[in-house]
C-alpha cells in the first residue's frame, strides 16, 4: 500500500483527532512522529520525508516559518 493525497489527508485528520484525546499517542507523536504515523496507519513514512509535529497546547498562535 502506498501513500496518495487521499490517504495523506485522512491520516492527518486521524492524527489530529487521536492526539487530541489520547495523551500517550500525543506523546509518541511529539517524540517520534514516524512511529506514530506507522501505529495509526500501518504505513511507513517515505524515506527522505520529514515530518515535524508541534504541540500547540496553551498557545494562542503558532506560526510556521517558511524554508
PDB file of N, CA and C in Angstrom:
ATOM      1  N   UNK A   1       0.839  -1.169   0.000  1.00  0.00           N
ATOM      2  CA  UNK A   1       0.000   0.000   0.000  1.00  0.00           C
ATOM      3  C   UNK A   1       0.893   1.245   0.000  1.00  0.00           C
ATOM      4  N   UNK A   2       0.617   2.199  -0.861  1.00  0.00           N
ATOM      5  CA  UNK A   2       1.405   3.421  -0.976  1.00  0.00           C
ATOM      6  C   UNK A   2       0.578   4.630  -0.572  1.00  0.00           C
ATOM      7  N   UNK A   3       1.280   5.712  -0.308  1.00  0.00           N
ATOM      8  CA  UNK A   3       0.633   6.974   0.030  1.00  0.00           C
ATOM      9  C   UNK A   3       0.058   7.628  -1.225  1.00  0.00           C
ATOM     10  N   UNK A   4      -1.067   8.278  -1.066  1.00  0.00           N
ATOM     11  CA  UNK A   4      -1.609   9.172  -2.073  1.00  0.00           C
ATOM     12  C   UNK A   4      -2.237  10.342  -1.322  1.00  0.00           C
ATOM     13  N   UNK A   5      -2.716  11.341  -2.016  1.00  0.00           N
ATOM     14  CA  UNK A   5      -3.221  12.548  -1.366  1.00  0.00           C
ATOM     15  C   UNK A   5      -4.431  12.243  -0.479  1.00  0.00           C
ATOM     16  N   UNK A   6      -5.285  11.320  -0.901  1.00  0.00           N
ATOM     17  CA  UNK A   6      -6.452  10.959  -0.093  1.00  0.00           C
ATOM     18  C   UNK A   6      -6.020  10.304   1.223  1.00  0.00           C
ATOM     19  N   UNK A   7      -5.066   9.382   1.151  1.00  0.00           N
ATOM     20  CA  UNK A   7      -4.562   8.713   2.361  1.00  0.00           C
ATOM     21  C   UNK A   7      -3.852   9.713   3.275  1.00  0.00           C
ATOM     22  N   UNK A   8      -3.127  10.639   2.678  1.00  0.00           N
ATOM     23  CA  UNK A   8      -2.429  11.654   3.462  1.00  0.00           C
ATOM     24  C   UNK A   8      -3.425  12.524   4.221  1.00  0.00           C
ATOM     25  N   UNK A   9      -4.435  13.020   3.525  1.00  0.00           N
ATOM     26  CA  UNK A   9      -5.442  13.870   4.173  1.00  0.00           C
ATOM     27  C   UNK A   9      -6.173  13.114   5.278  1.00  0.00           C
ATOM     28  N   UNK A  10      -6.504  11.863   5.031  1.00  0.00           N
ATOM     29  CA  UNK A  10      -7.183  11.044   6.030  1.00  0.00           C
ATOM     30  C   UNK A  10      -6.270  10.813   7.239  1.00  0.00           C
ATOM     31  N   UNK A  11      -5.002  10.537   6.991  1.00  0.00           N
ATOM     32  CA  UNK A  11      -4.050  10.284   8.072  1.00  0.00           C
ATOM     33  C   UNK A  11      -3.851  11.532   8.931  1.00  0.00           C
ATOM     34  N   UNK A  12      -3.758  12.698   8.305  1.00  0.00           N
ATOM     35  CA  UNK A  12      -3.588  13.948   9.057  1.00  0.00           C
ATOM     36  C   UNK A  12      -4.791  14.170   9.973  1.00  0.00           C
ATOM     37  N   UNK A  13      -5.978  13.961   9.455  1.00  0.00           N
ATOM     38  CA  UNK A  13      -7.193  14.135  10.258  1.00  0.00           C
ATOM     39  C   UNK A  13      -7.207  13.153  11.434  1.00  0.00           C
ATOM     40  N   UNK A  14      -6.914  11.884  11.165  1.00  0.00           N
ATOM     41  CA  UNK A  14      -6.879  10.871  12.229  1.00  0.00           C
ATOM     42  C   UNK A  14      -5.793  11.197  13.254  1.00  0.00           C
ATOM     43  N   UNK A  15      -4.650  11.645  12.775  1.00  0.00           N
ATOM     44  CA  UNK A  15      -3.517  12.001  13.623  1.00  0.00           C
ATOM     45  C   UNK A  15      -3.923  13.111  14.588  1.00  0.00           C
ATOM     46  N   UNK A  16      -4.578  14.132  14.072  1.00  0.00           N
ATOM     47  CA  UNK A  16      -5.011  15.259  14.905  1.00  0.00           C
ATOM     48  C   UNK A  16      -6.079  14.819  15.902  1.00  0.00           C
ATOM     49  N   UNK A  17      -7.045  14.051  15.432  1.00  0.00           N
ATOM     50  CA  UNK A  17      -8.128  13.613  16.310  1.00  0.00           C
ATOM     51  C   UNK A  17      -7.602  12.730  17.446  1.00  0.00           C
ATOM     52  N   UNK A  18      -6.764  11.765  17.098  1.00  0.00           N
ATOM     53  CA  UNK A  18      -6.259  10.838  18.122  1.00  0.00           C
ATOM     54  C   UNK A  18      -5.365  11.563  19.120  1.00  0.00           C
ATOM     55  N   UNK A  19      -4.539  12.469  18.640  1.00  0.00           N
ATOM     56  CA  UNK A  19      -3.631  13.170  19.549  1.00  0.00           C
ATOM     57  C   UNK A  19      -4.369  14.132  20.472  1.00  0.00           C
ATOM     58  N   UNK A  20      -5.591  14.502  20.117  1.00  0.00           N
ATOM     59  CA  UNK A  20      -6.353  15.412  20.984  1.00  0.00           C
ATOM     60  C   UNK A  20      -7.055  14.677  22.122  1.00  0.00           C
ATOM     61  N   UNK A  21      -7.195  13.347  22.029  1.00  0.00           N
ATOM     62  CA  UNK A  21      -7.903  12.591  23.065  1.00  0.00           C
ATOM     63  C   UNK A  21      -7.051  11.497  23.718  1.00  0.00           C
ATOM     64  N   UNK A  22      -5.892  11.207  23.159  1.00  0.00           N
ATOM     65  CA  UNK A  22      -5.046  10.116  23.647  1.00  0.00           C
ATOM     66  C   UNK A  22      -3.679  10.682  24.027  1.00  0.00           C
ATOM     67  N   UNK A  23      -3.459  10.892  25.329  1.00  0.00           N
ATOM     68  CA  UNK A  23      -2.221  11.512  25.804  1.00  0.00           C
ATOM     69  C   UNK A  23      -0.983  10.694  25.436  1.00  0.00           C
ATOM     70  N   UNK A  24      -1.087   9.375  25.493  1.00  0.00           N
ATOM     71  CA  UNK A  24       0.059   8.520  25.160  1.00  0.00           C
ATOM     72  C   UNK A  24       0.414   8.649  23.675  1.00  0.00           C
ATOM     73  N   UNK A  25      -0.602   8.673  22.810  1.00  0.00           N
ATOM     74  CA  UNK A  25      -0.354   8.841  21.377  1.00  0.00           C
ATOM     75  C   UNK A  25       0.225  10.231  21.111  1.00  0.00           C
ATOM     76  N   UNK A  26      -0.290  11.243  21.790  1.00  0.00           N
ATOM     77  CA  UNK A  26       0.206  12.620  21.622  1.00  0.00           C
ATOM     78  C   UNK A  26       1.699  12.679  21.959  1.00  0.00           C
ATOM     79  N   UNK A  27       2.084  12.028  23.059  1.00  0.00           N
ATOM     80  CA  UNK A  27       3.488  12.000  23.459  1.00  0.00           C
ATOM     81  C   UNK A  27       4.334  11.317  22.384  1.00  0.00           C
ATOM     82  N   UNK A  28       3.865  10.185  21.866  1.00  0.00           N
ATOM     83  CA  UNK A  28       4.578   9.485  20.799  1.00  0.00           C
ATOM     84  C   UNK A  28       4.684  10.375  19.559  1.00  0.00           C
ATOM     85  N   UNK A  29       3.602  11.069  19.217  1.00  0.00           N
ATOM     86  CA  UNK A  29       3.601  11.939  18.042  1.00  0.00           C
ATOM     87  C   UNK A  29       4.652  13.036  18.157  1.00  0.00           C
ATOM     88  N   UNK A  30       4.832  13.552  19.359  1.00  0.00           N
ATOM     89  CA  UNK A  30       5.831  14.601  19.573  1.00  0.00           C
ATOM     90  C   UNK A  30       7.250  14.047  19.589  1.00  0.00           C
ATOM     91  N   UNK A  31       7.421  12.869  20.165  1.00  0.00           N
ATOM     92  CA  UNK A  31       8.758  12.295  20.304  1.00  0.00           C
ATOM     93  C   UNK A  31       9.221  11.531  19.066  1.00  0.00           C
ATOM     94  N   UNK A  32       8.294  10.862  18.394  1.00  0.00           N
ATOM     95  CA  UNK A  32       8.653  10.044  17.237  1.00  0.00           C
ATOM     96  C   UNK A  32       7.480  10.023  16.249  1.00  0.00           C
ATOM     97  N   UNK A  33       7.315  11.101  15.489  1.00  0.00           N
ATOM     98  CA  UNK A  33       6.179  11.208  14.575  1.00  0.00           C
ATOM     99  C   UNK A  33       6.070  10.042  13.588  1.00  0.00           C
ATOM    100  N   UNK A  34       7.192   9.549  13.103  1.00  0.00           N
ATOM    101  CA  UNK A  34       7.159   8.444  12.140  1.00  0.00           C
ATOM    102  C   UNK A  34       6.533   7.191  12.754  1.00  0.00           C
ATOM    103  N   UNK A  35       6.889   6.905  13.994  1.00  0.00           N
ATOM    104  CA  UNK A  35       6.301   5.750  14.678  1.00  0.00           C
ATOM    105  C   UNK A  35       4.817   5.950  14.927  1.00  0.00           C
ATOM    106  N   UNK A  36       4.435   7.171  15.248  1.00  0.00           N
ATOM    107  CA  UNK A  36       3.020   7.472  15.476  1.00  0.00           C
ATOM    108  C   UNK A  36       2.212   7.264  14.190  1.00  0.00           C
ATOM    109  N   UNK A  37       2.747   7.704  13.065  1.00  0.00           N
ATOM    110  CA  UNK A  37       2.069   7.513  11.779  1.00  0.00           C
ATOM    111  C   UNK A  37       1.953   6.027  11.472  1.00  0.00           C
ATOM    112  N   UNK A  38       3.029   5.288  11.690  1.00  0.00           N
ATOM    113  CA  UNK A  38       3.023   3.840  11.433  1.00  0.00           C
ATOM    114  C   UNK A  38       1.982   3.143  12.307  1.00  0.00           C
ATOM    115  N   UNK A  39       1.923   3.527  13.588  1.00  0.00           N
ATOM    116  CA  UNK A  39       0.950   2.942  14.512  1.00  0.00           C
ATOM    117  C   UNK A  39      -0.476   3.240  14.055  1.00  0.00           C
ATOM    118  N   UNK A  40      -0.714   4.445  13.590  1.00  0.00           N
ATOM    119  CA  UNK A  40      -2.049   4.882  13.210  1.00  0.00           C
ATOM    120  C   UNK A  40      -2.499   4.309  11.866  1.00  0.00           C
ATOM    121  N   UNK A  41      -1.602   4.273  10.892  1.00  0.00           N
ATOM    122  CA  UNK A  41      -1.989   3.929   9.524  1.00  0.00           C
ATOM    123  C   UNK A  41      -1.477   2.569   9.059  1.00  0.00           C
ATOM    124  N   UNK A  42      -0.440   2.080   9.718  1.00  0.00           N
ATOM    125  CA  UNK A  42       0.206   0.856   9.252  1.00  0.00           C
ATOM    126  C   UNK A  42       1.189   1.118   8.122  1.00  0.00           C
ATOM    127  N   UNK A  43       1.353   2.372   7.735  1.00  0.00           N
ATOM    128  CA  UNK A  43       2.244   2.739   6.635  1.00  0.00           C
ATOM    129  C   UNK A  43       3.502   3.424   7.148  1.00  0.00           C
ATOM    130  N   UNK A  44       4.617   3.155   6.496  1.00  0.00           N
ATOM    131  CA  UNK A  44       5.867   3.844   6.788  1.00  0.00           C
ATOM    132  C   UNK A  44       5.857   5.185   6.066  1.00  0.00           C
ATOM    133  N   UNK A  45       6.453   6.177   6.685  1.00  0.00           N
ATOM    134  CA  UNK A  45       6.649   7.458   6.003  1.00  0.00           C
ATOM    135  C   UNK A  45       7.744   7.246   4.964  1.00  0.00           C
ATOM    136  N   UNK A  46       7.554   7.764   3.760  1.00  0.00           N
ATOM    137  CA  UNK A  46       8.575   7.570   2.719  1.00  0.00           C
ATOM    138  C   UNK A  46       9.947   8.078   3.154  1.00  0.00           C
ATOM    139  N   UNK A  47      10.987   7.361   2.758  1.00  0.00           N
ATOM    140  CA  UNK A  47      12.349   7.761   3.071  1.00  0.00           C
ATOM    141  C   UNK A  47      12.604   9.170   2.543  1.00  0.00           C
ATOM    142  N   UNK A  48      13.222   9.987   3.368  1.00  0.00           N
ATOM    143  CA  UNK A  48      13.541  11.354   2.964  1.00  0.00           C
ATOM    144  C   UNK A  48      12.440  12.350   3.266  1.00  0.00           C
ATOM    145  N   UNK A  49      11.259  11.869   3.682  1.00  0.00           N
ATOM    146  CA  UNK A  49      10.143  12.756   4.008  1.00  0.00           C
ATOM    147  C   UNK A  49      10.272  13.166   5.460  1.00  0.00           C
ATOM    148  N   UNK A  50      10.303  14.461   5.723  1.00  0.00           N
ATOM    149  CA  UNK A  50      10.478  14.962   7.085  1.00  0.00           C
ATOM    150  C   UNK A  50       9.125  15.399   7.631  1.00  0.00           C
ATOM    151  N   UNK A  51       8.767  14.857   8.774  1.00  0.00           N
ATOM    152  CA  UNK A  51       7.523  15.201   9.451  1.00  0.00           C
ATOM    153  C   UNK A  51       7.870  15.838  10.781  1.00  0.00           C
ATOM    154  N   UNK A  52       7.351  17.017  11.020  1.00  0.00           N
ATOM    155  CA  UNK A  52       7.593  17.708  12.283  1.00  0.00           C
ATOM    156  C   UNK A  52       6.248  17.961  12.942  1.00  0.00           C
ATOM    157  N   UNK A  53       6.133  17.597  14.211  1.00  0.00           N
ATOM    158  CA  UNK A  53       4.909  17.782  14.976  1.00  0.00           C
ATOM    159  C   UNK A  53       5.189  18.811  16.059  1.00  0.00           C
ATOM    160  N   UNK A  54       4.299  19.786  16.191  1.00  0.00           N
ATOM    161  CA  UNK A  54       4.445  20.852  17.169  1.00  0.00           C
ATOM    162  C   UNK A  54       3.240  20.822  18.095  1.00  0.00           C
ATOM    163  N   UNK A  55       3.490  20.890  19.382  1.00  0.00           N
ATOM    164  CA  UNK A  55       2.418  20.918  20.369  1.00  0.00           C
ATOM    165  C   UNK A  55       1.905  22.344  20.509  1.00  0.00           C
ATOM    166  N   UNK A  56       0.654  22.560  20.170  1.00  0.00           N
ATOM    167  CA  UNK A  56       0.049  23.883  20.204  1.00  0.00           C
ATOM    168  C   UNK A  56      -0.668  24.146  21.519  1.00  0.00           C
ATOM    169  N   UNK A  57      -0.611  23.197  22.444  1.00  0.00           N
ATOM    170  CA  UNK A  57      -1.317  23.347  23.717  1.00  0.00           C
ATOM    171  C   UNK A  57      -0.869  24.608  24.437  1.00  0.00           C
ATOM    172  N   UNK A  58      -1.832  25.431  24.803  1.00  0.00           N
ATOM    173  CA  UNK A  58      -1.555  26.645  25.557  1.00  0.00           C
ATOM    174  C   UNK A  58      -1.151  27.839  24.716  1.00  0.00           C
ATOM    175  N   UNK A  59      -0.927  27.631  23.439  1.00  0.00           N
ATOM    176  CA  UNK A  59      -0.523  28.749  22.576  1.00  0.00           C
ATOM    177  C   UNK A  59      -1.761  29.446  22.019  1.00  0.00           C
ATOM    178  N   UNK A  60      -1.637  30.739  21.833  1.00  0.00           N
ATOM    179  CA  UNK A  60      -2.708  31.483  21.174  1.00  0.00           C
ATOM    180  C   UNK A  60      -2.528  31.461  19.654  1.00  0.00           C
ATOM    181  N   UNK A  61      -1.287  31.300  19.243  1.00  0.00           N
ATOM    182  CA  UNK A  61      -0.985  31.292  17.808  1.00  0.00           C
ATOM    183  C   UNK A  61       0.325  30.543  17.593  1.00  0.00           C
ATOM    184  N   UNK A  62       0.343  29.663  16.607  1.00  0.00           N
ATOM    185  CA  UNK A  62       1.575  29.004  16.202  1.00  0.00           C
ATOM    186  C   UNK A  62       1.881  29.453  14.788  1.00  0.00           C
ATOM    187  N   UNK A  63       3.073  29.954  14.585  1.00  0.00           N
ATOM    188  CA  UNK A  63       3.498  30.442  13.271  1.00  0.00           C
ATOM    189  C   UNK A  63       4.543  29.481  12.722  1.00  0.00           C
ATOM    190  N   UNK A  64       4.322  29.003  11.521  1.00  0.00           N
ATOM    191  CA  UNK A  64       5.281  28.124  10.859  1.00  0.00           C
ATOM    192  C   UNK A  64       6.066  28.963   9.863  1.00  0.00           C
ATOM    193  N   UNK A  65       7.351  29.007  10.069  1.00  0.00           N
ATOM    194  CA  UNK A  65       8.226  29.796   9.183  1.00  0.00           C
ATOM    195  C   UNK A  65       8.522  29.010   7.910  1.00  0.00           C
ATOM    196  N   UNK A  66       8.652  29.705   6.797  1.00  0.00           N
ATOM    197  CA  UNK A  66       8.962  29.009   5.539  1.00  0.00           C
ATOM    198  C   UNK A  66      10.399  28.508   5.540  1.00  0.00           C
ATOM    199  N   UNK A  67      10.666  27.576   4.637  1.00  0.00           N
ATOM    200  CA  UNK A  67      12.028  27.032   4.485  1.00  0.00           C
ATOM    201  C   UNK A  67      12.983  28.142   4.097  1.00  0.00           C
TER     202      UNK A  67
END
